[in-house]
C-alpha atoms as a PDB file:
ATOM      1  CA  MET A   1     -10.664 -59.036  77.882  1.00  0.00           C
ATOM      2  CA  TYR A   2      -9.787 -60.849  74.734  1.00  0.00           C
ATOM      3  CA  LYS A   3     -11.385 -63.606  72.472  1.00  0.00           C
ATOM      4  CA  ILE A   4      -8.079 -65.460  72.257  1.00  0.00           C
ATOM      5  CA  GLU A   5      -9.580 -68.349  70.527  1.00  0.00           C
ATOM      6  CA  VAL A   6      -9.844 -66.298  67.340  1.00  0.00           C
ATOM      7  CA  LEU A   7      -5.980 -65.940  67.326  1.00  0.00           C
ATOM      8  CA  GLU A   8      -5.586 -69.609  68.098  1.00  0.00           C
ATOM      9  CA  ARG A   9      -7.971 -70.568  65.307  1.00  0.00           C
ATOM     10  CA  LYS A  10      -5.967 -68.325  62.774  1.00  0.00           C
ATOM     11  CA  ARG A  11      -2.612 -69.834  63.912  1.00  0.00           C
ATOM     12  CA  LEU A  12      -3.996 -73.267  63.040  1.00  0.00           C
ATOM     13  CA  GLU A  13      -5.368 -72.138  59.778  1.00  0.00           C
ATOM     14  CA  LYS A  14      -1.988 -70.828  58.777  1.00  0.00           C
ATOM     15  CA  GLY A  15      -0.312 -74.078  60.050  1.00  0.00           C
ATOM     16  CA  LEU A  16       1.994 -72.201  62.306  1.00  0.00           C
ATOM     17  CA  SER A  17       3.716 -73.652  65.318  1.00  0.00           C
ATOM     18  CA  TYR A  18       4.330 -71.746  68.555  1.00  0.00           C
ATOM     19  CA  THR A  19       8.011 -72.014  67.951  1.00  0.00           C
ATOM     20  CA  GLU A  20       7.689 -70.540  64.367  1.00  0.00           C
ATOM     21  CA  ILE A  21       5.734 -67.503  65.713  1.00  0.00           C
ATOM     22  CA  ALA A  22       8.001 -66.961  68.706  1.00  0.00           C
ATOM     23  CA  ASP A  23      11.129 -67.069  66.418  1.00  0.00           C
ATOM     24  CA  LYS A  24       9.587 -64.578  64.097  1.00  0.00           C
ATOM     25  CA  LEU A  25       8.354 -62.176  66.908  1.00  0.00           C
ATOM     26  CA  GLY A  26      11.542 -62.537  68.969  1.00  0.00           C
ATOM     27  CA  ILE A  27       9.720 -63.810  72.010  1.00  0.00           C
ATOM     28  CA  HIS A  28       9.735 -67.126  73.980  1.00  0.00           C
ATOM     29  CA  LYS A  29       7.666 -69.947  72.629  1.00  0.00           C
ATOM     30  CA  VAL A  30       6.158 -70.465  76.198  1.00  0.00           C
ATOM     31  CA  THR A  31       4.931 -66.807  76.058  1.00  0.00           C
ATOM     32  CA  VAL A  32       3.176 -67.628  72.761  1.00  0.00           C
ATOM     33  CA  SER A  33       1.729 -70.768  74.058  1.00  0.00           C
ATOM     34  CA  ARG A  34       0.500 -69.343  77.354  1.00  0.00           C
ATOM     35  CA  THR A  35      -1.031 -66.380  75.583  1.00  0.00           C
ATOM     36  CA  LEU A  36      -2.808 -68.397  72.838  1.00  0.00           C
ATOM     37  CA  LYS A  37      -4.079 -70.778  75.448  1.00  0.00           C
ATOM     38  CA  GLY A  38      -5.496 -67.798  77.541  1.00  0.00           C
ATOM     39  CA  VAL A  39      -3.225 -68.436  80.643  1.00  0.00           C
ATOM     40  CA  THR A  40      -1.610 -64.987  80.392  1.00  0.00           C
ATOM     41  CA  MET A  41      -2.797 -62.157  78.304  1.00  0.00           C
ATOM     42  CA  LYS A  42      -0.444 -59.234  78.306  1.00  0.00           C
ATOM     43  CA  PRO A  43      -1.790 -56.469  75.997  1.00  0.00           C
ATOM     44  CA  ARG A  44       1.541 -55.955  74.160  1.00  0.00           C
ATOM     45  CA  THR A  45       1.831 -59.800  73.421  1.00  0.00           C
ATOM     46  CA  VAL A  46      -1.749 -60.078  72.394  1.00  0.00           C
ATOM     47  CA  LYS A  47      -1.241 -57.046  69.922  1.00  0.00           C
ATOM     48  CA  GLN A  48       1.916 -58.581  68.505  1.00  0.00           C
ATOM     49  CA  LEU A  49       0.210 -61.924  67.884  1.00  0.00           C
ATOM     50  CA  ALA A  50      -2.851 -60.251  66.323  1.00  0.00           C
ATOM     51  CA  ASP A  51      -0.599 -58.256  64.000  1.00  0.00           C
ATOM     52  CA  TYR A  52       1.466 -61.112  62.949  1.00  0.00           C
ATOM     53  CA  LEU A  53      -1.719 -63.298  62.418  1.00  0.00           C
ATOM     54  CA  ASN A  54      -3.440 -60.524  60.514  1.00  0.00           C
ATOM     55  CA  VAL A  55      -6.299 -60.268  63.025  1.00  0.00           C
ATOM     56  CA  THR A  56      -7.722 -56.867  63.987  1.00  0.00           C
ATOM     57  CA  MET A  57      -7.817 -56.009  67.539  1.00  0.00           C
ATOM     58  CA  GLU A  58     -11.526 -55.094  67.242  1.00  0.00           C
ATOM     59  CA  SER A  59     -12.248 -58.755  66.523  1.00  0.00           C
ATOM     60  CA  ILE A  60     -10.739 -59.984  69.522  1.00  0.00           C
ATOM     61  CA  VAL A  61     -11.628 -57.354  72.153  1.00  0.00           C
ATOM     62  CA  GLN A  62     -14.623 -58.351  74.206  1.00  0.00           C
END
């Protein structure tokens, strides 16, 4: 699947909250939280987060 921890680490490096990311992407903060915690991993959401955090999909696909 995905190495979600890469996205979470990048979020923390940038000092972004789940709410900030959710507002920018137009999705619910619970969706961001659940995705970055690895609870749910819908490909579209993972791609949105990767693009927003400037992480290549190649670096998170296992």
